[in-house]
Protein backbone atom coordinates (compact mmCIF):
# COMPACT_ATOMS: atom_id res chain seq x y z
CA UNK A 1 87.18 76.98 102.45
CA UNK A 2 90.64 77.63 100.89
CA UNK A 3 89.54 77.02 97.28
CA UNK A 4 90.83 79.32 94.61
CA UNK A 5 88.77 81.98 92.92
CA UNK A 6 88.37 79.73 89.96
CA UNK A 7 86.55 77.18 92.14
CA UNK A 8 84.36 79.93 93.50
CA UNK A 9 83.38 80.84 89.96
CA UNK A 10 82.88 77.24 89.06
CA UNK A 11 80.74 76.50 92.01
CA UNK A 12 78.58 79.58 91.40
CA UNK A 13 77.99 78.52 87.77
CA UNK A 14 77.19 74.92 88.56
CA UNK A 15 74.69 76.06 91.18
CA UNK A 16 72.95 78.66 88.89
CA UNK A 17 72.71 75.86 86.25
CA UNK A 18 70.94 73.64 88.58
CA UNK A 19 68.64 76.44 89.72
CA UNK A 20 67.70 77.44 86.28
CA UNK A 21 66.22 73.98 85.90
CA UNK A 22 65.04 73.47 89.47
CA UNK A 23 64.45 76.79 91.17
CA UNK A 24 63.34 75.17 94.35
CA UNK A 25 66.41 73.04 94.74
CA UNK A 26 67.41 73.91 98.35
CA UNK A 27 70.87 72.20 98.21
CA UNK A 28 71.77 74.39 95.14
CA UNK A 29 70.74 77.52 97.02
CA UNK A 30 72.89 76.50 100.06
CA UNK A 31 75.79 75.60 97.69
CA UNK A 32 75.42 79.10 96.05
CA UNK A 33 75.51 80.83 99.48
CA UNK A 34 78.72 79.04 100.23
CA UNK A 35 80.32 80.06 97.08
CA UNK A 36 79.54 83.70 97.86
CA UNK A 37 80.71 83.36 101.35
CA UNK A 38 84.15 82.02 100.37
CA UNK A 39 84.45 84.72 97.61
CA UNK A 40 83.81 87.59 100.05
CA UNK A 41 80.23 88.49 98.86
CA UNK A 42 78.31 88.16 102.19
CA UNK A 43 75.15 90.13 101.21
CA UNK A 44 74.50 87.82 98.21
CA UNK A 45 75.32 84.84 100.40
CA UNK A 46 72.64 85.96 102.89
CA UNK A 47 69.96 86.17 100.25
CA UNK A 48 70.75 82.56 99.01
CA UNK A 49 71.07 81.15 102.58
CA UNK A 50 67.63 82.52 103.31
CA UNK A 51 66.14 80.88 100.11
CA UNK A 52 67.69 77.50 101.21
CA UNK A 53 66.31 77.83 104.77
CA UNK A 54 62.76 78.82 103.46
CA UNK A 55 62.75 75.76 101.05
CA UNK A 56 63.82 73.45 104.12
CA UNK A 57 63.27 74.94 107.40
CA UNK A 58 64.27 72.05 109.52
CA UNK A 59 67.65 71.53 108.02
CA UNK A 60 70.36 72.26 110.50
CA UNK A 61 73.03 72.52 107.84
CA UNK A 62 71.11 75.33 106.16
CA UNK A 63 70.66 77.11 109.40
CA UNK A 64 74.44 76.99 109.95
CA UNK A 65 74.92 78.60 106.63
CA UNK A 66 72.48 81.30 107.37
CA UNK A 67 74.02 81.86 110.68
CA UNK A 68 77.39 82.39 109.08
CA UNK A 69 75.95 84.75 106.53
CA UNK A 70 74.36 86.77 109.28
CA UNK A 71 77.77 86.89 110.97
CA UNK A 72 79.54 87.92 107.83
CA UNK A 73 77.30 91.15 107.72
CA UNK A 74 78.02 91.74 111.51
CA UNK A 75 74.47 90.80 112.67
CA UNK A 76 75.99 88.73 115.49
CA UNK A 77 72.83 88.70 117.54
CA UNK A 78 70.80 87.15 114.71
CA UNK A 79 73.58 84.75 113.93
CA UNK A 80 73.61 83.50 117.46
CA UNK A 81 69.92 82.80 117.43
CA UNK A 82 70.19 80.95 114.26
CA UNK A 83 73.17 78.81 115.41
CA UNK A 84 71.27 77.91 118.63
CA UNK A 85 68.24 76.74 116.48
CA UNK A 86 70.74 74.55 114.42
CA UNK A 87 71.99 73.06 117.58
CA UNK A 88 68.47 72.35 118.93
CA UNK A 89 67.78 70.45 115.68
CA UNK A 90 71.13 68.72 115.85
CA UNK A 91 72.86 68.84 119.25
CA UNK A 92 76.24 67.21 118.13
CA UNK A 93 76.53 69.43 115.09
CA UNK A 94 80.09 70.57 115.80
CA UNK A 95 80.48 73.19 113.06
CA UNK A 96 77.48 74.99 114.37
CA UNK A 97 78.84 74.76 117.86
CA UNK A 98 82.15 76.26 116.75
CA UNK A 99 80.29 79.02 114.81
CA UNK A 100 78.16 79.88 117.84
CA UNK A 101 81.32 80.23 120.09
CA UNK A 102 82.88 82.42 117.39
CA UNK A 103 79.87 84.58 117.37
CA UNK A 104 79.77 85.05 121.12
CA UNK A 105 83.44 85.97 120.96
CA UNK A 106 82.68 88.66 118.36
CA UNK A 107 80.00 90.08 120.72
CA UNK A 108 82.78 90.41 123.36
CA UNK A 109 81.21 87.65 125.65
CA UNK A 110 84.52 85.86 126.34
CA UNK A 111 83.29 83.56 129.10
CA UNK A 112 80.21 82.52 127.12
CA UNK A 113 82.58 81.92 124.17
CA UNK A 114 84.90 79.88 126.19
CA UNK A 115 81.99 77.62 127.22
CA UNK A 116 80.95 77.27 123.60
CA UNK A 117 84.38 76.20 122.32
CA UNK A 118 84.55 73.70 125.30
CA UNK A 119 81.28 72.23 124.20
CA UNK A 120 82.42 71.93 120.70
CA UNK A 121 85.83 70.45 121.74
CA UNK A 122 83.79 67.78 123.67
CA UNK A 123 81.76 66.93 120.58
CA UNK A 124 84.82 66.57 118.31
CA UNK A 125 88.39 67.17 119.68
CA UNK A 126 89.77 66.60 116.24
CA UNK A 127 87.74 69.35 114.48
CA UNK A 128 90.37 71.49 112.56
CA UNK A 129 92.09 74.11 114.62
CA UNK A 130 89.72 73.79 117.49
CA UNK A 131 92.35 72.84 120.08
CA UNK A 132 94.41 75.87 119.10
CA UNK A 133 91.43 78.18 119.32
CA UNK A 134 90.33 76.73 122.70
CA UNK A 135 93.75 77.22 124.02
CA UNK A 136 93.88 80.81 122.76
CA UNK A 137 90.45 81.41 124.44
CA UNK A 138 91.95 79.93 127.79
CA UNK A 139 94.98 82.22 127.43
CA UNK A 140 92.78 85.35 126.74
CA UNK A 141 90.82 84.36 129.87
CA UNK A 142 94.01 84.49 131.88
CA UNK A 143 94.38 80.66 132.27
CA UNK A 144 97.63 79.88 130.53
CA UNK A 145 97.87 76.57 132.48
CA UNK A 146 94.77 75.18 131.06
CA UNK A 147 95.70 76.38 127.56
CA UNK A 148 98.97 74.56 127.72
CA UNK A 149 97.11 71.37 129.11
CA UNK A 150 94.69 71.59 126.11
CA UNK A 151 97.68 71.85 123.66
CA UNK A 152 99.67 68.95 125.21
CA UNK A 153 96.45 66.67 125.13
CA UNK A 154 95.79 67.50 121.57
CA UNK A 155 99.45 67.75 120.18
CA UNK A 156 99.04 64.91 117.76
CA UNK A 157 96.23 66.63 116.09
CA UNK A 158 97.95 70.15 115.89
CA UNK A 159 100.34 71.20 113.16
CA UNK A 160 103.94 71.11 114.69
CA UNK A 161 104.72 74.66 113.83
CA UNK A 162 101.33 76.01 115.25
CA UNK A 163 101.93 73.90 118.32
CA UNK A 164 105.34 75.30 118.90
CA UNK A 165 104.09 79.01 118.68
CA UNK A 166 101.15 78.27 120.88
CA UNK A 167 103.23 76.57 123.55
CA UNK A 168 105.77 79.23 123.51
CA UNK A 169 102.96 81.69 124.40
CA UNK A 170 101.92 79.64 127.33
CA UNK A 171 105.68 79.29 128.32
CA UNK A 172 106.12 82.91 128.40
CA UNK A 173 103.09 83.50 130.67
CA UNK A 174 103.86 80.42 133.03
CA UNK A 175 107.62 80.17 132.97
CA UNK A 176 108.92 83.39 131.69
CA UNK A 177 110.83 84.86 128.65
CA UNK A 178 113.86 82.34 128.58
CA UNK A 179 111.69 79.30 128.36
CA UNK A 180 109.55 80.73 125.50
CA UNK A 181 112.60 81.94 123.72
CA UNK A 182 114.18 78.46 124.16
CA UNK A 183 111.25 76.77 122.53
CA UNK A 184 111.09 79.17 119.69
CA UNK A 185 114.83 79.08 118.98
CA UNK A 186 114.89 75.26 119.09
CA UNK A 187 111.87 75.19 116.69
CA UNK A 188 113.47 77.34 113.96
CA UNK A 189 116.79 75.62 114.47
CA UNK A 190 115.24 72.17 113.71
CA UNK A 191 112.76 73.62 111.11
CA UNK A 192 114.46 76.54 109.24
CA UNK A 193 111.45 76.63 106.74
CA UNK A 194 108.99 77.52 109.59
CA UNK A 195 108.48 81.26 108.56
CA UNK A 196 105.62 81.91 111.03
CA UNK A 197 107.64 80.51 113.91
CA UNK A 198 110.60 82.83 112.83
CA UNK A 199 108.16 85.81 112.99
CA UNK A 200 106.95 84.79 116.33
CA UNK A 201 110.49 84.47 117.47
CA UNK A 202 111.36 87.89 116.05
CA UNK A 203 108.56 89.44 117.85
CA UNK A 204 109.45 87.92 121.13
CA UNK A 205 113.10 88.81 120.74
CA UNK A 206 112.38 92.51 119.98
CA UNK A 207 109.72 92.77 122.80
CA UNK A 208 112.46 91.64 125.24
CA UNK A 209 115.26 93.86 123.88
CA UNK A 210 117.24 91.25 122.08
CA UNK A 211 117.83 93.62 119.35
CA UNK A 212 120.46 92.29 116.91
CA UNK A 213 119.05 88.62 117.01
CA UNK A 214 115.54 90.03 116.88
CA UNK A 215 116.15 92.05 113.69
CA UNK A 216 117.91 89.10 112.08
CA UNK A 217 114.84 87.06 112.53
CA UNK A 218 112.45 90.06 111.51
CA UNK A 219 113.99 89.65 107.99
CA UNK A 220 111.91 86.61 107.56
CA UNK A 221 108.53 88.38 107.66
CA UNK A 222 106.19 88.74 104.91
CA UNK A 223 106.91 92.05 103.25
CA UNK A 224 106.99 93.89 99.99
CA UNK A 225 109.64 91.37 98.79
CA UNK A 226 107.54 88.43 99.58
CA UNK A 227 108.01 85.84 102.39
CA UNK A 228 111.02 84.26 101.10
CA UNK A 229 113.95 83.16 103.28
CA UNK A 230 116.47 85.75 104.14
CA UNK A 231 118.98 83.54 105.96
CA UNK A 232 122.53 84.80 105.39
CA UNK A 233 121.55 88.19 104.13
CA UNK A 234 124.80 90.25 104.06
CA UNK A 235 125.13 93.30 106.38
CA UNK A 236 125.59 96.68 104.63
CA UNK A 237 129.13 97.84 104.24
CA UNK A 238 130.42 100.56 106.61
CA UNK A 239 130.72 103.00 103.61
CA UNK A 240 128.09 103.52 100.97
CA UNK A 241 129.45 106.85 99.60
CA UNK A 242 127.41 108.03 96.51
CA UNK A 243 125.40 104.80 96.22
CA UNK A 244 121.73 105.06 95.38
CA UNK A 245 119.57 103.17 97.82
CA UNK A 246 115.78 102.66 97.29
CA UNK A 247 113.75 102.03 100.51
CA UNK A 248 110.41 100.53 99.90
CA UNK A 249 107.57 101.40 102.17
CA UNK A 250 105.78 98.32 103.54
CA UNK A 251 103.01 97.04 105.95
CA UNK A 252 101.34 100.15 107.17
CA UNK A 253 101.94 103.85 107.46
CA UNK A 254 102.96 103.44 111.05
CA UNK A 255 105.53 100.95 110.20
CA UNK A 256 106.93 103.24 107.60
CA UNK A 257 107.17 106.06 109.92
CA UNK A 258 108.73 103.90 112.70
CA UNK A 259 111.40 102.48 110.42
CA UNK A 260 112.19 105.92 108.91
CA UNK A 261 114.25 106.58 112.27
CA UNK A 262 116.91 104.10 110.94
CA UNK A 263 117.23 106.12 107.59
CA UNK A 264 119.78 108.70 109.09
CA UNK A 265 122.08 105.89 110.02
CA UNK A 266 122.05 104.71 106.42
CA UNK A 267 122.74 108.31 105.32
CA UNK A 268 125.56 108.56 107.69
CA UNK A 269 127.27 105.81 105.59
CA UNK A 270 127.21 108.16 102.58
CA UNK A 271 124.05 106.59 100.84
CA UNK A 272 121.82 108.71 98.65
CA UNK A 273 118.28 107.54 99.70
CA UNK A 274 114.95 107.41 97.85
CA UNK A 275 111.76 106.49 99.77
CA UNK A 276 108.90 104.87 97.83
CA UNK A 277 105.70 104.87 99.68
CA UNK A 278 101.96 105.41 99.46
CA UNK A 279 100.73 108.79 98.44
CA UNK A 280 99.24 109.78 101.92
CA UNK A 281 102.83 109.99 103.32
CA UNK A 282 104.14 112.32 100.63
CA UNK A 283 102.38 115.18 102.44
CA UNK A 284 104.46 114.83 105.51
CA UNK A 285 107.57 113.11 104.53
CA UNK A 286 109.89 115.29 102.29
CA UNK A 287 113.31 115.18 100.75
CA UNK A 288 115.80 116.94 102.97
CA UNK A 289 119.05 116.32 104.85
CA UNK A 290 118.32 112.55 105.04
CA UNK A 291 116.19 111.63 102.00
CA UNK A 292 117.15 112.70 98.42
CA UNK A 293 113.75 111.90 97.04
CA UNK A 294 110.37 110.62 98.14
CA UNK A 295 108.08 109.10 95.65
CA UNK A 296 104.69 107.19 95.46
CA UNK A 297 105.83 104.56 93.10
CA UNK A 298 109.13 102.64 92.48
CA UNK A 299 111.45 104.85 90.41
CA UNK A 300 112.46 103.25 87.05
CA UNK A 301 115.94 104.51 87.34
CA UNK A 302 118.60 101.97 88.43
CA UNK A 303 119.67 101.81 92.16
CA UNK A 304 122.72 100.20 93.57
CA UNK A 305 120.65 98.82 96.40
CA UNK A 306 116.99 98.10 96.98
CA UNK A 307 115.32 96.89 100.18
CA UNK A 308 112.14 97.03 102.30
CA UNK A 309 112.51 99.78 104.88
CA UNK A 310 111.85 97.22 107.67
CA UNK A 311 115.03 95.45 106.73
CA UNK A 312 117.25 98.44 107.59
CA UNK A 313 117.95 97.71 111.27
CA UNK A 314 119.05 94.14 110.48
CA UNK A 315 121.19 95.14 107.57
CA UNK A 316 122.73 97.90 109.58
CA UNK A 317 123.28 95.49 112.50
CA UNK A 318 121.62 97.91 114.90
CA UNK A 319 121.80 97.45 118.54
CA UNK A 320 120.65 101.04 119.45
CA UNK A 321 117.17 102.59 119.39
CA UNK A 322 117.29 105.79 117.37
CA UNK A 323 115.00 108.71 117.88
CA UNK A 324 111.74 109.15 115.98
CA UNK A 325 111.59 110.69 112.53
CA UNK A 326 110.93 114.42 112.88
CA UNK A 327 108.04 116.18 111.16
CA UNK A 328 107.74 119.81 110.25
CA UNK A 329 104.50 121.52 111.47
CA UNK A 330 102.74 123.71 109.02
CA UNK A 331 101.47 127.02 110.83
CA UNK A 332 98.49 127.17 108.38
CA UNK A 333 97.40 123.81 109.53
CA UNK A 334 97.81 124.73 113.06
CA UNK A 335 95.63 127.75 112.55
CA UNK A 336 92.90 125.56 110.91
CA UNK A 337 93.28 123.05 113.74
CA UNK A 338 92.61 125.81 116.32
CA UNK A 339 89.47 126.68 114.36
CA UNK A 340 88.32 123.09 114.20
CA UNK A 341 88.96 122.40 117.93
CA UNK A 342 87.35 125.63 119.17
CA UNK A 343 84.23 124.76 117.09
CA UNK A 344 83.84 121.57 118.85
CA UNK A 345 84.02 122.82 122.46
CA UNK A 346 86.23 124.53 125.17
CA UNK A 347 89.93 123.56 126.09
CA UNK A 348 91.58 121.63 127.49
CA UNK A 349 91.44 119.16 124.68
CA UNK A 350 91.89 115.43 125.16
CA UNK A 351 92.27 113.22 122.00
CA UNK A 352 91.18 109.43 122.25
CA UNK A 353 91.75 106.45 120.06
CA UNK A 354 90.50 103.01 121.32
CA UNK A 355 91.33 100.58 118.39
CA UNK A 356 94.21 100.12 115.98
CA UNK A 357 95.21 97.40 113.53
CA UNK A 358 92.66 94.99 112.09
CA UNK A 359 89.20 94.88 113.81
CA UNK A 360 89.20 91.12 114.23
CA UNK A 361 85.85 91.17 116.00
CA UNK A 362 84.01 92.74 112.96
CA UNK A 363 86.00 91.60 110.08
CA UNK A 364 84.85 88.75 107.65
CA UNK A 365 85.30 85.20 108.91
CA UNK A 366 86.59 83.81 105.53
CA UNK A 367 89.53 84.98 103.43
CA UNK A 368 91.25 86.96 106.19
CA UNK A 369 94.59 86.71 107.86
CA UNK A 370 94.10 84.83 111.09
CA UNK A 371 97.20 86.43 112.59
CA UNK A 372 96.19 90.03 112.04
CA UNK A 373 96.99 92.37 114.76
CA UNK A 374 94.40 94.21 116.79
CA UNK A 375 95.06 96.51 119.61
CA UNK A 376 92.06 97.72 121.40
CA UNK A 377 90.24 98.67 124.61
CA UNK A 378 86.50 98.64 125.04
CA UNK A 379 85.14 102.17 124.32
CA UNK A 380 82.76 102.16 127.21
CA UNK A 381 85.50 101.22 129.75
CA UNK A 382 87.64 104.08 128.29
CA UNK A 383 84.90 106.54 128.34
CA UNK A 384 84.17 105.76 132.00
CA UNK A 385 87.86 106.22 132.88
CA UNK A 386 87.86 109.77 131.17
CA UNK A 387 84.49 110.89 132.68
CA UNK A 388 84.80 114.27 134.12
CA UNK A 389 87.34 115.73 131.72
CA UNK A 390 87.11 119.40 132.34
CA UNK A 391 87.33 120.33 128.57
CA UNK A 392 86.36 118.72 125.21
CA UNK A 393 87.24 114.95 124.36
CA UNK A 394 88.19 114.68 120.59
CA UNK A 395 87.72 111.31 118.98
CA UNK A 396 90.46 110.54 116.49
CA UNK A 397 89.45 106.98 115.91
CA UNK A 398 89.97 105.92 112.16
CA UNK A 399 87.23 103.76 110.62
CA UNK A 400 85.02 104.15 113.74
CA UNK A 401 81.58 102.62 113.91
CA UNK A 402 78.55 104.12 115.38
CA UNK A 403 78.15 101.42 118.03
CA UNK A 404 81.61 102.12 119.53
CA UNK A 405 81.33 105.82 119.38
CA UNK A 406 77.90 105.64 121.06
CA UNK A 407 79.20 103.38 123.79
CA UNK A 408 82.11 105.77 124.40
CA UNK A 409 79.92 108.87 124.54
CA UNK A 410 77.40 107.25 126.97
CA UNK A 411 80.18 106.32 129.37
CA UNK A 412 82.02 109.71 128.99
CA UNK A 413 78.76 111.83 129.63
CA UNK A 414 80.78 115.01 128.65
CA UNK A 415 81.71 117.37 125.73
CA UNK A 416 82.59 115.22 122.78
CA UNK A 417 83.96 116.28 119.30
CA UNK A 418 84.81 114.06 116.34
CA UNK A 419 87.84 114.49 114.09
CA UNK A 420 88.05 110.95 113.03
CA UNK A 421 87.75 111.94 109.32
CA UNK A 422 91.20 113.67 109.53
CA UNK A 423 92.90 110.21 109.49
CA UNK A 424 93.46 110.47 105.74
CA UNK A 425 94.78 114.06 105.92
CA UNK A 426 98.06 113.87 107.70
CA UNK A 427 99.08 117.54 107.63
CA UNK A 428 95.68 118.42 109.21
CA UNK A 429 95.96 115.58 111.77
CA UNK A 430 99.61 116.80 112.65
CA UNK A 431 98.14 120.24 113.31
CA UNK A 432 95.44 118.90 115.62
CA UNK A 433 97.84 116.63 117.54
CA UNK A 434 100.11 119.48 118.08
CA UNK A 435 97.37 121.35 119.98
CA UNK A 436 95.96 118.64 122.14
CA UNK A 437 96.56 118.94 125.76
CA UNK A 438 96.51 115.17 126.24
CA UNK A 439 96.14 112.10 124.05
CA UNK A 440 95.10 108.73 125.32
CA UNK A 441 95.20 105.93 122.87
CA UNK A 442 96.36 102.47 121.88
CA UNK A 443 99.48 102.46 119.67
CA UNK A 444 98.65 103.77 116.16
CA UNK A 445 99.93 105.96 113.61
CA UNK A 446 99.28 109.00 115.68
CA UNK A 447 101.80 107.88 118.15
CA UNK A 448 104.54 108.08 115.46
CA UNK A 449 103.25 111.48 114.38
CA UNK A 450 103.35 112.88 117.97
CA UNK A 451 106.69 111.50 118.66
CA UNK A 452 107.98 113.23 115.53
CA UNK A 453 106.81 116.57 116.75
CA UNK A 454 108.13 116.15 120.39
CA UNK A 455 104.58 115.41 121.79
CA UNK A 456 103.51 112.60 123.95
CA UNK A 457 100.65 110.24 124.53
CA UNK A 458 99.29 108.05 127.24
CA UNK A 459 99.37 104.65 125.67
CA UNK A 460 97.15 101.74 126.62
CA UNK A 461 99.09 98.48 125.83
CA UNK A 462 96.88 95.34 125.59
CA UNK A 463 98.38 92.07 126.86
CA UNK A 464 100.67 90.73 125.50
CA UNK A 465 102.44 93.95 124.57
CA UNK A 466 103.24 94.50 120.80
CA UNK A 467 107.11 94.43 120.38
CA UNK A 468 107.42 98.26 120.06
CA UNK A 469 105.97 98.46 123.55
CA UNK A 470 107.90 95.48 125.01
CA UNK A 471 106.78 92.86 127.41
CA UNK A 472 107.99 94.42 130.73
CA UNK A 473 106.95 97.33 132.96
CA UNK A 474 107.94 100.86 132.28
CA UNK A 475 108.04 102.99 129.06
CA UNK A 476 109.08 101.79 125.70
CA UNK A 477 112.70 102.55 124.71
CA UNK A 478 111.33 103.58 121.33
CA UNK A 479 108.93 106.20 122.96
CA UNK A 480 110.60 106.87 126.26
CA UNK A 481 108.57 110.03 127.12
CA UNK A 482 105.09 108.26 126.60
CA UNK A 483 103.52 107.05 129.83
CA UNK A 484 102.39 103.42 129.35
CA UNK A 485 99.35 101.64 131.06
CA UNK A 486 99.67 97.82 130.62
CA UNK A 487 96.86 95.38 130.60
CA UNK A 488 97.88 92.62 132.88
CA UNK A 489 97.93 88.87 131.97
CA UNK A 490 94.45 88.47 133.42
CA UNK A 491 93.27 90.82 130.58
CA UNK A 492 91.45 92.95 133.27
CA UNK A 493 91.64 96.65 132.25
CA UNK A 494 90.44 97.79 135.81
CA UNK A 495 93.88 98.62 137.43
CA UNK A 496 95.56 100.35 134.32
CA UNK A 497 92.43 102.44 133.68
CA UNK A 498 92.13 103.39 137.30
CA UNK A 499 95.89 104.36 137.19
CA UNK A 500 95.23 106.40 133.98
CA UNK A 501 92.45 108.29 135.63
CA UNK A 502 94.45 108.98 138.67
CA UNK A 503 97.56 110.32 136.72
CA UNK A 504 95.49 112.10 134.07
CA UNK A 505 93.35 114.03 136.70
CA UNK A 506 96.00 114.71 139.25
């Protein structure tokens, strides 16, 4: 499943050559379906998988392919039915058992998914990545002890780096911060080349306020400079008078906005700073007292220094938490925002966002980063917690889907407006954010925007907390005025959502 694009093309060509001679060759149709799945063309894969199944209806392998194709186009209920049919034909078919469990997880049925992965593990404990997946499911179900037991039993079948990171997660939940940090520090000391373990260590250090060590390890992340080793990167000199420095935007818009808070510290050393970032940010980040220039692309002119913006705190050897980057409000945009809000319903206005990052439950299964971050709360649960809001609730969810919005609306049972389309118009979004009476969300770009106009939000923090929101009770030092509602280790949102409702409506 990790073949290169050239192999996809070759496999497709071979299958089509066979089918040109034998159009009823079910194996070739199945092979063609997999070539499309691996190259990210699920609709074509589904057509081919159907042909293979129609030509050989009692073939469990073809049913498995068909189930994967349905899953890739987010038809999870159909995929579930197909995988169950495959397992009825071939009860010890571990691949179908794993795929069924994945499909149940994508439907949000965590306990059913857990049983499914346990069944697959009983069939074949050595199936690739299965022990790690089962351990993750145990942790997500609030059972870190069983997760650690699974990892220890399977440790000879798990990549050492993956094992160290997974055990550190269990250590944190069972034994606390010190034990988890000890394991990861020892891992990167013994294996300096373990980039993913260094990333895990960086995030844990930052989420527990070990700033300088955390930023040093953060240099090893994958960024615009590539995932090469940064050990021994020299700190910036105390004075940079007149030197031209290019900061490269990286990761996402929210990350650029977050790390801009370190730019004034660079300016204080006398640097002349240019920011290269994506076009969308040019409308809200402008040259001024700190930045000499802001550009969409890298400037061709020579610079004395060039660095990803996320390297700044490490190279400045920061142990402080600077305030957010400020944004100027456009009165014309505020006037338009008043009109937009008024057209949607009466005040007070409550903004909502229930998901940020990568939607790992609906993304394609193949060709995606398995470590992608998703922060979310179920829309129906959030809608219930906000039911009875005396004004209008405003959906600001980027890339929302109809099912989530419908679930939220059904649970809310109140006045609802949708301004999610403003996610690509940052000045207009700033205008709306400045006029909201309340905002309830998981951490996203809007949080950085609100912080930059001296606004606040009530932030729902999924467990374990992303490093900006820390792994401890209380507010984040980066957003000290933002009330935080933390999902507990059990992953049960009942208490934090009940607390949110009490404080919001009091």
